[in-house]
Amino acid sequence: MITAGIGSVAPNFTAEDVKGQKITLQADKKYILAFHRYMGCIWCQTDIMRLIKLKDELKSKGIETIIFVNSPKHSVEDYLKHYPDFPFKIVPDPDKKIYKLYGVESGNFLDMIPATINTIKNITVFKDYKFVKDGIKGDRYLRPAFFGIDNMKIIYEFRAKNPADYPDLQKMIENFK
């Protein structure tokens, strides 16, 4: 398995977002690649909402955010019905082709214990959010990962220890010049 890491050239790919647009990385651009589990995952939806809150800052820094989900296209389309102004490109990757390219891995059942405890501790984060239920249509043990890419070089990397483990998004953004 290829594992991308800080300082290495970002593995390029061609993918299709949920709207049918072709996506490939370009040398003169900045990106955040956010790899999540599946659309029915409350932890993933919460993290996507955190990214959305930073959309203006990301745009002002010229950072394009691409979200990958291990879900079929119809699940992503159903999710987006609730968010018609969704600000990022979102790529359904049910076969985990791009996940494998970046070395995004799955964990196991034991990863769910700290994830569940973390959810209980942070329950107030969820109080104003209506989750889109879609069931488990993807790898339930997949660990999220985030990559910051500037001019085709990986400048930031975060690999989760469990499904509810996410980076400090502000620190991630600070890595971009």
N, C-alpha and C. Protein backbone atom coordinates (compact mmCIF):
# COMPACT_ATOMS: atom_id res chain seq x y z
N MET A 1 0.84 -1.18 0.00
CA MET A 1 0.00 0.00 0.00
C MET A 1 0.88 1.25 0.00
N ILE A 2 0.53 2.20 -0.85
CA ILE A 2 1.24 3.47 -0.89
C ILE A 2 0.77 4.29 0.30
N THR A 3 1.72 4.86 1.01
CA THR A 3 1.35 5.72 2.12
C THR A 3 1.91 7.11 1.87
N ALA A 4 1.03 8.06 1.72
CA ALA A 4 1.42 9.44 1.52
C ALA A 4 1.79 10.03 2.88
N GLY A 5 2.75 10.93 2.90
CA GLY A 5 3.15 11.54 4.16
C GLY A 5 3.70 12.94 3.96
N ILE A 6 3.90 13.66 5.05
CA ILE A 6 4.39 15.03 4.99
C ILE A 6 5.72 15.07 4.23
N GLY A 7 5.81 16.04 3.33
CA GLY A 7 7.01 16.23 2.53
C GLY A 7 7.02 15.46 1.22
N SER A 8 6.13 14.50 1.09
CA SER A 8 6.10 13.72 -0.15
C SER A 8 5.20 14.39 -1.19
N VAL A 9 5.40 14.00 -2.42
CA VAL A 9 4.54 14.48 -3.50
C VAL A 9 3.17 13.83 -3.31
N ALA A 10 2.14 14.64 -3.41
CA ALA A 10 0.77 14.14 -3.24
C ALA A 10 0.42 13.21 -4.39
N PRO A 11 -0.04 12.00 -4.08
CA PRO A 11 -0.49 11.11 -5.15
C PRO A 11 -1.66 11.75 -5.90
N ASN A 12 -1.52 11.84 -7.21
CA ASN A 12 -2.60 12.44 -7.98
C ASN A 12 -3.61 11.38 -8.39
N PHE A 13 -4.75 11.82 -8.75
CA PHE A 13 -5.85 10.91 -9.07
C PHE A 13 -6.82 11.63 -9.98
N THR A 14 -7.67 10.89 -10.59
CA THR A 14 -8.82 11.44 -11.29
C THR A 14 -10.04 10.77 -10.66
N ALA A 15 -10.94 11.59 -10.18
CA ALA A 15 -12.15 11.09 -9.54
C ALA A 15 -13.33 11.93 -10.03
N GLU A 16 -14.50 11.45 -9.75
CA GLU A 16 -15.71 12.18 -10.12
C GLU A 16 -16.47 12.53 -8.86
N ASP A 17 -16.79 13.83 -8.72
CA ASP A 17 -17.57 14.21 -7.54
C ASP A 17 -19.03 13.82 -7.75
N VAL A 18 -19.83 14.05 -6.72
CA VAL A 18 -21.23 13.62 -6.74
C VAL A 18 -22.04 14.31 -7.85
N LYS A 19 -21.55 15.47 -8.32
CA LYS A 19 -22.24 16.20 -9.38
C LYS A 19 -21.75 15.81 -10.77
N GLY A 20 -20.82 14.85 -10.83
CA GLY A 20 -20.32 14.38 -12.11
C GLY A 20 -19.12 15.14 -12.64
N GLN A 21 -18.56 16.06 -11.85
CA GLN A 21 -17.39 16.83 -12.28
C GLN A 21 -16.12 16.03 -12.03
N LYS A 22 -15.22 16.04 -13.01
CA LYS A 22 -13.93 15.36 -12.86
C LYS A 22 -13.04 16.19 -11.94
N ILE A 23 -12.35 15.49 -11.06
CA ILE A 23 -11.44 16.14 -10.12
C ILE A 23 -10.06 15.53 -10.29
N THR A 24 -9.07 16.39 -10.41
CA THR A 24 -7.67 15.97 -10.38
C THR A 24 -6.90 17.11 -9.73
N LEU A 25 -5.87 16.81 -9.00
CA LEU A 25 -5.09 17.84 -8.32
C LEU A 25 -4.28 18.63 -9.33
N GLN A 26 -4.13 19.93 -9.08
CA GLN A 26 -3.36 20.81 -9.96
C GLN A 26 -2.18 21.37 -9.20
N ALA A 27 -1.06 21.51 -9.90
CA ALA A 27 0.20 21.89 -9.27
C ALA A 27 0.18 23.25 -8.58
N ASP A 28 -0.61 24.17 -9.05
CA ASP A 28 -0.57 25.53 -8.50
C ASP A 28 -1.66 25.80 -7.47
N LYS A 29 -2.24 24.75 -6.91
CA LYS A 29 -3.36 24.95 -5.98
C LYS A 29 -3.08 24.36 -4.60
N LYS A 30 -3.94 24.79 -3.66
CA LYS A 30 -3.90 24.29 -2.28
C LYS A 30 -5.17 23.48 -2.04
N TYR A 31 -4.99 22.38 -1.32
CA TYR A 31 -6.13 21.49 -1.07
C TYR A 31 -6.12 20.97 0.36
N ILE A 32 -7.31 20.72 0.85
CA ILE A 32 -7.50 19.85 2.01
C ILE A 32 -8.28 18.65 1.48
N LEU A 33 -7.72 17.47 1.66
CA LEU A 33 -8.42 16.24 1.33
C LEU A 33 -8.88 15.64 2.64
N ALA A 34 -10.18 15.51 2.80
CA ALA A 34 -10.77 14.98 4.04
C ALA A 34 -11.41 13.63 3.73
N PHE A 35 -10.85 12.58 4.31
CA PHE A 35 -11.36 11.23 4.10
C PHE A 35 -12.22 10.82 5.29
N HIS A 36 -13.50 10.59 5.04
CA HIS A 36 -14.44 10.21 6.09
C HIS A 36 -14.93 8.78 5.87
N ARG A 37 -15.73 8.31 6.82
CA ARG A 37 -16.27 6.95 6.71
C ARG A 37 -17.41 6.94 5.69
N TYR A 38 -18.62 7.13 6.09
CA TYR A 38 -19.78 7.04 5.20
C TYR A 38 -20.78 8.11 5.61
N MET A 39 -21.75 8.39 4.74
CA MET A 39 -22.65 9.52 4.97
C MET A 39 -23.52 9.37 6.21
N GLY A 40 -23.83 8.18 6.64
CA GLY A 40 -24.66 8.00 7.83
C GLY A 40 -23.89 8.14 9.14
N CYS A 41 -22.60 8.36 9.07
CA CYS A 41 -21.74 8.46 10.27
C CYS A 41 -21.92 9.82 10.95
N ILE A 42 -22.38 9.81 12.19
CA ILE A 42 -22.60 11.09 12.89
C ILE A 42 -21.29 11.82 13.15
N TRP A 43 -20.22 11.08 13.40
CA TRP A 43 -18.93 11.73 13.64
C TRP A 43 -18.45 12.43 12.37
N CYS A 44 -18.66 11.78 11.24
CA CYS A 44 -18.25 12.36 9.95
C CYS A 44 -19.09 13.59 9.63
N GLN A 45 -20.40 13.50 9.85
CA GLN A 45 -21.27 14.64 9.59
C GLN A 45 -20.91 15.82 10.48
N THR A 46 -20.57 15.54 11.73
CA THR A 46 -20.18 16.60 12.65
C THR A 46 -18.91 17.28 12.16
N ASP A 47 -17.96 16.48 11.72
CA ASP A 47 -16.71 17.07 11.25
C ASP A 47 -16.93 17.87 9.96
N ILE A 48 -17.79 17.40 9.09
CA ILE A 48 -18.10 18.15 7.88
C ILE A 48 -18.71 19.51 8.26
N MET A 49 -19.57 19.54 9.28
CA MET A 49 -20.15 20.81 9.73
C MET A 49 -19.06 21.74 10.26
N ARG A 50 -18.05 21.18 10.93
CA ARG A 50 -16.94 22.00 11.41
C ARG A 50 -16.17 22.60 10.23
N LEU A 51 -15.98 21.82 9.19
CA LEU A 51 -15.32 22.35 7.99
C LEU A 51 -16.16 23.45 7.35
N ILE A 52 -17.46 23.25 7.29
CA ILE A 52 -18.34 24.25 6.69
C ILE A 52 -18.25 25.57 7.44
N LYS A 53 -18.13 25.52 8.75
CA LYS A 53 -18.00 26.76 9.53
C LYS A 53 -16.74 27.53 9.16
N LEU A 54 -15.75 26.85 8.60
CA LEU A 54 -14.49 27.49 8.21
C LEU A 54 -14.42 27.80 6.71
N LYS A 55 -15.52 27.64 6.00
CA LYS A 55 -15.49 27.77 4.53
C LYS A 55 -14.99 29.13 4.07
N ASP A 56 -15.35 30.21 4.75
CA ASP A 56 -14.90 31.54 4.33
C ASP A 56 -13.40 31.70 4.52
N GLU A 57 -12.89 31.22 5.63
CA GLU A 57 -11.44 31.28 5.87
C GLU A 57 -10.69 30.43 4.85
N LEU A 58 -11.20 29.24 4.58
CA LEU A 58 -10.56 28.37 3.58
C LEU A 58 -10.55 29.05 2.22
N LYS A 59 -11.66 29.65 1.85
CA LYS A 59 -11.75 30.33 0.55
C LYS A 59 -10.78 31.51 0.48
N SER A 60 -10.70 32.29 1.56
CA SER A 60 -9.81 33.46 1.56
C SER A 60 -8.34 33.07 1.44
N LYS A 61 -8.00 31.87 1.87
CA LYS A 61 -6.62 31.39 1.76
C LYS A 61 -6.40 30.60 0.47
N GLY A 62 -7.43 30.51 -0.36
CA GLY A 62 -7.31 29.80 -1.63
C GLY A 62 -7.21 28.29 -1.48
N ILE A 63 -7.81 27.76 -0.42
CA ILE A 63 -7.75 26.31 -0.15
C ILE A 63 -9.05 25.66 -0.63
N GLU A 64 -8.91 24.71 -1.52
CA GLU A 64 -10.06 23.95 -1.99
C GLU A 64 -10.19 22.70 -1.13
N THR A 65 -11.38 22.46 -0.63
CA THR A 65 -11.62 21.29 0.21
C THR A 65 -12.37 20.23 -0.59
N ILE A 66 -11.82 19.02 -0.56
CA ILE A 66 -12.46 17.89 -1.23
C ILE A 66 -12.72 16.83 -0.17
N ILE A 67 -13.97 16.45 -0.04
CA ILE A 67 -14.37 15.47 0.96
C ILE A 67 -14.63 14.13 0.27
N PHE A 68 -14.04 13.09 0.80
CA PHE A 68 -14.25 11.73 0.29
C PHE A 68 -15.07 10.96 1.31
N VAL A 69 -16.04 10.21 0.82
CA VAL A 69 -16.84 9.35 1.70
C VAL A 69 -16.91 7.96 1.09
N ASN A 70 -16.85 6.97 1.96
CA ASN A 70 -16.91 5.56 1.55
C ASN A 70 -18.38 5.14 1.45
N SER A 71 -19.11 5.86 0.61
CA SER A 71 -20.54 5.62 0.43
C SER A 71 -20.87 5.60 -1.05
N PRO A 72 -21.97 4.94 -1.41
CA PRO A 72 -22.41 5.00 -2.80
C PRO A 72 -22.94 6.40 -3.14
N LYS A 73 -22.94 6.71 -4.41
CA LYS A 73 -23.35 8.04 -4.89
C LYS A 73 -24.75 8.41 -4.39
N HIS A 74 -25.69 7.48 -4.40
CA HIS A 74 -27.07 7.82 -4.00
C HIS A 74 -27.13 8.26 -2.54
N SER A 75 -26.27 7.74 -1.68
CA SER A 75 -26.25 8.16 -0.27
C SER A 75 -25.79 9.61 -0.16
N VAL A 76 -24.79 9.97 -0.95
CA VAL A 76 -24.29 11.35 -0.94
C VAL A 76 -25.36 12.30 -1.50
N GLU A 77 -26.01 11.88 -2.56
CA GLU A 77 -27.08 12.70 -3.14
C GLU A 77 -28.21 12.92 -2.13
N ASP A 78 -28.58 11.89 -1.40
CA ASP A 78 -29.62 12.03 -0.37
C ASP A 78 -29.18 13.00 0.72
N TYR A 79 -27.93 12.93 1.13
CA TYR A 79 -27.39 13.83 2.14
C TYR A 79 -27.47 15.28 1.64
N LEU A 80 -27.05 15.50 0.40
CA LEU A 80 -26.99 16.86 -0.14
C LEU A 80 -28.36 17.49 -0.35
N LYS A 81 -29.42 16.70 -0.36
CA LYS A 81 -30.77 17.26 -0.45
C LYS A 81 -31.05 18.16 0.75
N HIS A 82 -30.41 17.87 1.87
CA HIS A 82 -30.58 18.66 3.09
C HIS A 82 -29.68 19.89 3.10
N TYR A 83 -28.71 19.94 2.19
CA TYR A 83 -27.72 21.02 2.15
C TYR A 83 -27.52 21.48 0.71
N PRO A 84 -28.50 22.19 0.13
CA PRO A 84 -28.39 22.57 -1.28
C PRO A 84 -27.22 23.51 -1.58
N ASP A 85 -26.73 24.23 -0.59
CA ASP A 85 -25.60 25.15 -0.80
C ASP A 85 -24.30 24.56 -0.27
N PHE A 86 -24.16 23.25 -0.32
CA PHE A 86 -22.96 22.60 0.20
C PHE A 86 -21.73 23.20 -0.47
N PRO A 87 -20.76 23.72 0.31
CA PRO A 87 -19.68 24.51 -0.27
C PRO A 87 -18.47 23.75 -0.81
N PHE A 88 -18.41 22.44 -0.61
CA PHE A 88 -17.22 21.68 -1.01
C PHE A 88 -17.56 20.61 -2.03
N LYS A 89 -16.52 20.16 -2.71
CA LYS A 89 -16.68 19.00 -3.58
C LYS A 89 -16.72 17.76 -2.69
N ILE A 90 -17.62 16.85 -3.01
CA ILE A 90 -17.73 15.63 -2.23
C ILE A 90 -17.71 14.44 -3.19
N VAL A 91 -16.81 13.51 -2.90
CA VAL A 91 -16.56 12.38 -3.80
C VAL A 91 -16.99 11.08 -3.14
N PRO A 92 -18.00 10.40 -3.70
CA PRO A 92 -18.32 9.07 -3.21
C PRO A 92 -17.24 8.09 -3.70
N ASP A 93 -16.68 7.33 -2.78
CA ASP A 93 -15.61 6.37 -3.13
C ASP A 93 -15.91 5.04 -2.44
N PRO A 94 -16.98 4.35 -2.88
CA PRO A 94 -17.37 3.11 -2.20
C PRO A 94 -16.33 1.99 -2.30
N ASP A 95 -15.48 2.05 -3.31
CA ASP A 95 -14.43 1.03 -3.46
C ASP A 95 -13.12 1.42 -2.79
N LYS A 96 -13.09 2.60 -2.19
CA LYS A 96 -11.92 3.12 -1.46
C LYS A 96 -10.67 3.24 -2.34
N LYS A 97 -10.84 3.56 -3.61
CA LYS A 97 -9.68 3.69 -4.51
C LYS A 97 -8.75 4.82 -4.08
N ILE A 98 -9.32 5.98 -3.78
CA ILE A 98 -8.48 7.11 -3.38
C ILE A 98 -8.00 6.92 -1.94
N TYR A 99 -8.80 6.31 -1.11
CA TYR A 99 -8.39 5.99 0.26
C TYR A 99 -7.11 5.15 0.23
N LYS A 100 -7.10 4.13 -0.63
CA LYS A 100 -5.94 3.25 -0.74
C LYS A 100 -4.73 4.00 -1.26
N LEU A 101 -4.95 4.90 -2.20
CA LEU A 101 -3.87 5.70 -2.77
C LEU A 101 -3.16 6.52 -1.69
N TYR A 102 -3.93 7.00 -0.70
CA TYR A 102 -3.37 7.80 0.39
C TYR A 102 -3.09 6.98 1.65
N GLY A 103 -3.28 5.69 1.58
CA GLY A 103 -2.98 4.84 2.73
C GLY A 103 -3.93 5.01 3.90
N VAL A 104 -5.17 5.38 3.63
CA VAL A 104 -6.17 5.54 4.69
C VAL A 104 -6.66 4.15 5.06
N GLU A 105 -6.57 3.84 6.35
CA GLU A 105 -6.79 2.46 6.81
C GLU A 105 -8.02 2.31 7.69
N SER A 106 -8.42 1.07 7.83
CA SER A 106 -9.50 0.70 8.74
C SER A 106 -8.90 0.23 10.06
N GLY A 107 -9.69 0.35 11.10
CA GLY A 107 -9.29 -0.16 12.40
C GLY A 107 -10.06 -1.43 12.71
N ASN A 108 -10.53 -1.52 13.95
CA ASN A 108 -11.29 -2.70 14.36
C ASN A 108 -12.33 -2.31 15.40
N PHE A 109 -13.03 -3.27 15.93
CA PHE A 109 -14.10 -3.02 16.88
C PHE A 109 -13.62 -2.23 18.10
N LEU A 110 -12.42 -2.49 18.58
CA LEU A 110 -11.92 -1.80 19.77
C LEU A 110 -11.79 -0.29 19.57
N ASP A 111 -11.65 0.15 18.33
CA ASP A 111 -11.59 1.58 18.04
C ASP A 111 -12.89 2.29 18.42
N MET A 112 -13.98 1.55 18.45
CA MET A 112 -15.28 2.15 18.71
C MET A 112 -15.45 2.59 20.17
N ILE A 113 -14.69 2.00 21.08
CA ILE A 113 -14.84 2.33 22.51
C ILE A 113 -14.47 3.78 22.78
N PRO A 114 -13.24 4.24 22.43
CA PRO A 114 -12.94 5.65 22.69
C PRO A 114 -13.82 6.59 21.86
N ALA A 115 -14.22 6.16 20.67
CA ALA A 115 -15.09 6.99 19.84
C ALA A 115 -16.43 7.23 20.53
N THR A 116 -16.99 6.20 21.11
CA THR A 116 -18.27 6.31 21.80
C THR A 116 -18.14 7.17 23.05
N ILE A 117 -17.08 6.98 23.81
CA ILE A 117 -16.85 7.80 25.01
C ILE A 117 -16.70 9.26 24.63
N ASN A 118 -15.96 9.54 23.56
CA ASN A 118 -15.77 10.91 23.09
C ASN A 118 -17.10 11.54 22.70
N THR A 119 -17.96 10.78 22.09
CA THR A 119 -19.28 11.28 21.69
C THR A 119 -20.10 11.67 22.91
N ILE A 120 -20.09 10.84 23.92
CA ILE A 120 -20.84 11.13 25.14
C ILE A 120 -20.30 12.39 25.81
N LYS A 121 -18.97 12.55 25.84
CA LYS A 121 -18.36 13.73 26.46
C LYS A 121 -18.67 15.01 25.70
N ASN A 122 -18.84 14.91 24.39
CA ASN A 122 -19.04 16.10 23.56
C ASN A 122 -20.46 16.22 23.03
N ILE A 123 -21.41 15.70 23.74
CA ILE A 123 -22.79 15.65 23.27
C ILE A 123 -23.35 17.04 22.95
N THR A 124 -22.85 18.09 23.59
CA THR A 124 -23.36 19.44 23.33
C THR A 124 -23.05 19.90 21.91
N VAL A 125 -22.02 19.36 21.29
CA VAL A 125 -21.70 19.70 19.90
C VAL A 125 -22.86 19.33 18.99
N PHE A 126 -23.59 18.31 19.35
CA PHE A 126 -24.63 17.77 18.49
C PHE A 126 -26.01 18.41 18.69
N LYS A 127 -26.18 19.24 19.70
CA LYS A 127 -27.51 19.69 20.09
C LYS A 127 -28.26 20.48 19.01
N ASP A 128 -27.56 21.26 18.18
CA ASP A 128 -28.23 22.08 17.18
C ASP A 128 -28.18 21.49 15.78
N TYR A 129 -27.80 20.26 15.67
CA TYR A 129 -27.59 19.68 14.35
C TYR A 129 -28.56 18.53 14.11
N LYS A 130 -29.20 18.55 12.97
CA LYS A 130 -30.09 17.45 12.58
C LYS A 130 -29.30 16.49 11.70
N PHE A 131 -29.04 15.32 12.20
CA PHE A 131 -28.26 14.34 11.46
C PHE A 131 -29.09 13.71 10.36
N VAL A 132 -28.43 13.43 9.26
CA VAL A 132 -29.05 12.74 8.14
C VAL A 132 -28.79 11.26 8.34
N LYS A 133 -29.85 10.51 8.53
CA LYS A 133 -29.69 9.07 8.77
C LYS A 133 -29.60 8.34 7.44
N ASP A 134 -28.59 7.52 7.31
CA ASP A 134 -28.43 6.75 6.07
C ASP A 134 -27.95 5.34 6.36
N GLY A 135 -27.85 5.01 7.63
CA GLY A 135 -27.38 3.67 7.98
C GLY A 135 -25.90 3.48 7.69
N ILE A 136 -25.45 2.28 7.87
CA ILE A 136 -24.03 1.96 7.67
C ILE A 136 -23.87 1.47 6.24
N LYS A 137 -23.47 2.38 5.37
CA LYS A 137 -23.23 2.04 3.96
C LYS A 137 -21.79 2.37 3.64
N GLY A 138 -20.90 1.64 4.27
CA GLY A 138 -19.47 1.84 4.10
C GLY A 138 -18.75 1.08 5.19
N ASP A 139 -17.46 1.27 5.27
CA ASP A 139 -16.61 0.58 6.23
C ASP A 139 -16.77 1.23 7.60
N ARG A 140 -17.42 0.54 8.52
CA ARG A 140 -17.69 1.12 9.84
C ARG A 140 -16.43 1.34 10.67
N TYR A 141 -15.35 0.67 10.35
CA TYR A 141 -14.11 0.81 11.13
C TYR A 141 -13.07 1.70 10.45
N LEU A 142 -13.45 2.31 9.34
CA LEU A 142 -12.53 3.18 8.62
C LEU A 142 -12.13 4.35 9.50
N ARG A 143 -10.85 4.63 9.53
CA ARG A 143 -10.34 5.75 10.33
C ARG A 143 -10.18 6.98 9.43
N PRO A 144 -10.76 8.11 9.83
CA PRO A 144 -10.63 9.32 9.03
C PRO A 144 -9.17 9.74 8.85
N ALA A 145 -8.93 10.49 7.80
CA ALA A 145 -7.59 11.04 7.55
C ALA A 145 -7.75 12.37 6.81
N PHE A 146 -6.80 13.26 7.04
CA PHE A 146 -6.80 14.58 6.41
C PHE A 146 -5.41 14.86 5.88
N PHE A 147 -5.37 15.47 4.70
CA PHE A 147 -4.10 15.85 4.10
C PHE A 147 -4.20 17.28 3.61
N GLY A 148 -3.20 18.09 3.96
CA GLY A 148 -3.07 19.44 3.41
C GLY A 148 -2.05 19.37 2.29
N ILE A 149 -2.41 19.90 1.14
CA ILE A 149 -1.54 19.82 -0.04
C ILE A 149 -1.35 21.22 -0.59
N ASP A 150 -0.10 21.59 -0.81
CA ASP A 150 0.23 22.88 -1.40
C ASP A 150 1.22 22.63 -2.53
N ASN A 151 0.83 23.01 -3.73
CA ASN A 151 1.70 22.84 -4.90
C ASN A 151 2.15 21.39 -5.05
N MET A 152 1.22 20.47 -4.88
CA MET A 152 1.42 19.02 -5.04
C MET A 152 2.32 18.39 -3.96
N LYS A 153 2.60 19.12 -2.90
CA LYS A 153 3.39 18.57 -1.81
C LYS A 153 2.51 18.47 -0.57
N ILE A 154 2.61 17.35 0.13
CA ILE A 154 1.83 17.18 1.36
C ILE A 154 2.50 17.97 2.47
N ILE A 155 1.76 18.94 3.02
CA ILE A 155 2.30 19.80 4.08
C ILE A 155 1.66 19.51 5.43
N TYR A 156 0.59 18.72 5.43
CA TYR A 156 -0.10 18.38 6.68
C TYR A 156 -0.70 16.99 6.51
N GLU A 157 -0.62 16.23 7.59
CA GLU A 157 -1.18 14.88 7.57
C GLU A 157 -1.78 14.58 8.94
N PHE A 158 -2.98 14.04 8.94
CA PHE A 158 -3.61 13.58 10.18
C PHE A 158 -4.25 12.23 9.89
N ARG A 159 -3.88 11.24 10.68
CA ARG A 159 -4.47 9.91 10.57
C ARG A 159 -5.13 9.58 11.91
N ALA A 160 -6.43 9.38 11.87
CA ALA A 160 -7.19 9.16 13.09
C ALA A 160 -6.84 7.83 13.75
N LYS A 161 -6.99 7.81 15.07
CA LYS A 161 -6.77 6.58 15.84
C LYS A 161 -8.08 5.79 16.01
N ASN A 162 -9.21 6.49 15.81
CA ASN A 162 -10.52 5.85 15.90
C ASN A 162 -11.51 6.64 15.04
N PRO A 163 -12.70 6.14 14.81
CA PRO A 163 -13.64 6.80 13.90
C PRO A 163 -14.10 8.20 14.32
N ALA A 164 -13.96 8.57 15.59
CA ALA A 164 -14.39 9.89 16.05
C ALA A 164 -13.22 10.84 16.28
N ASP A 165 -12.04 10.45 15.85
CA ASP A 165 -10.82 11.23 16.05
C ASP A 165 -10.63 12.16 14.85
N TYR A 166 -10.61 13.45 15.10
CA TYR A 166 -10.46 14.43 14.02
C TYR A 166 -9.42 15.46 14.40
N PRO A 167 -8.83 16.10 13.40
CA PRO A 167 -7.76 17.07 13.68
C PRO A 167 -8.31 18.39 14.20
N ASP A 168 -7.40 19.16 14.76
CA ASP A 168 -7.69 20.55 15.08
C ASP A 168 -7.66 21.28 13.74
N LEU A 169 -8.81 21.64 13.23
CA LEU A 169 -8.90 22.20 11.89
C LEU A 169 -8.16 23.52 11.76
N GLN A 170 -8.16 24.32 12.82
CA GLN A 170 -7.45 25.59 12.77
C GLN A 170 -5.94 25.36 12.61
N LYS A 171 -5.41 24.39 13.33
CA LYS A 171 -3.98 24.07 13.19
C LYS A 171 -3.68 23.57 11.78
N MET A 172 -4.60 22.82 11.22
CA MET A 172 -4.41 22.33 9.87
C MET A 172 -4.32 23.50 8.89
N ILE A 173 -5.20 24.46 9.02
CA ILE A 173 -5.22 25.62 8.13
C ILE A 173 -3.95 26.45 8.29
N GLU A 174 -3.43 26.54 9.51
CA GLU A 174 -2.21 27.32 9.76
C GLU A 174 -1.00 26.79 9.00
N ASN A 175 -1.03 25.56 8.55
CA ASN A 175 0.08 25.00 7.79
C ASN A 175 0.19 25.57 6.38
N PHE A 176 -0.86 26.21 5.91
CA PHE A 176 -0.84 26.82 4.58
C PHE A 176 -0.29 28.23 4.68
N LYS A 177 0.53 28.60 3.72
CA LYS A 177 1.12 29.95 3.72
C LYS A 177 0.27 30.91 2.93
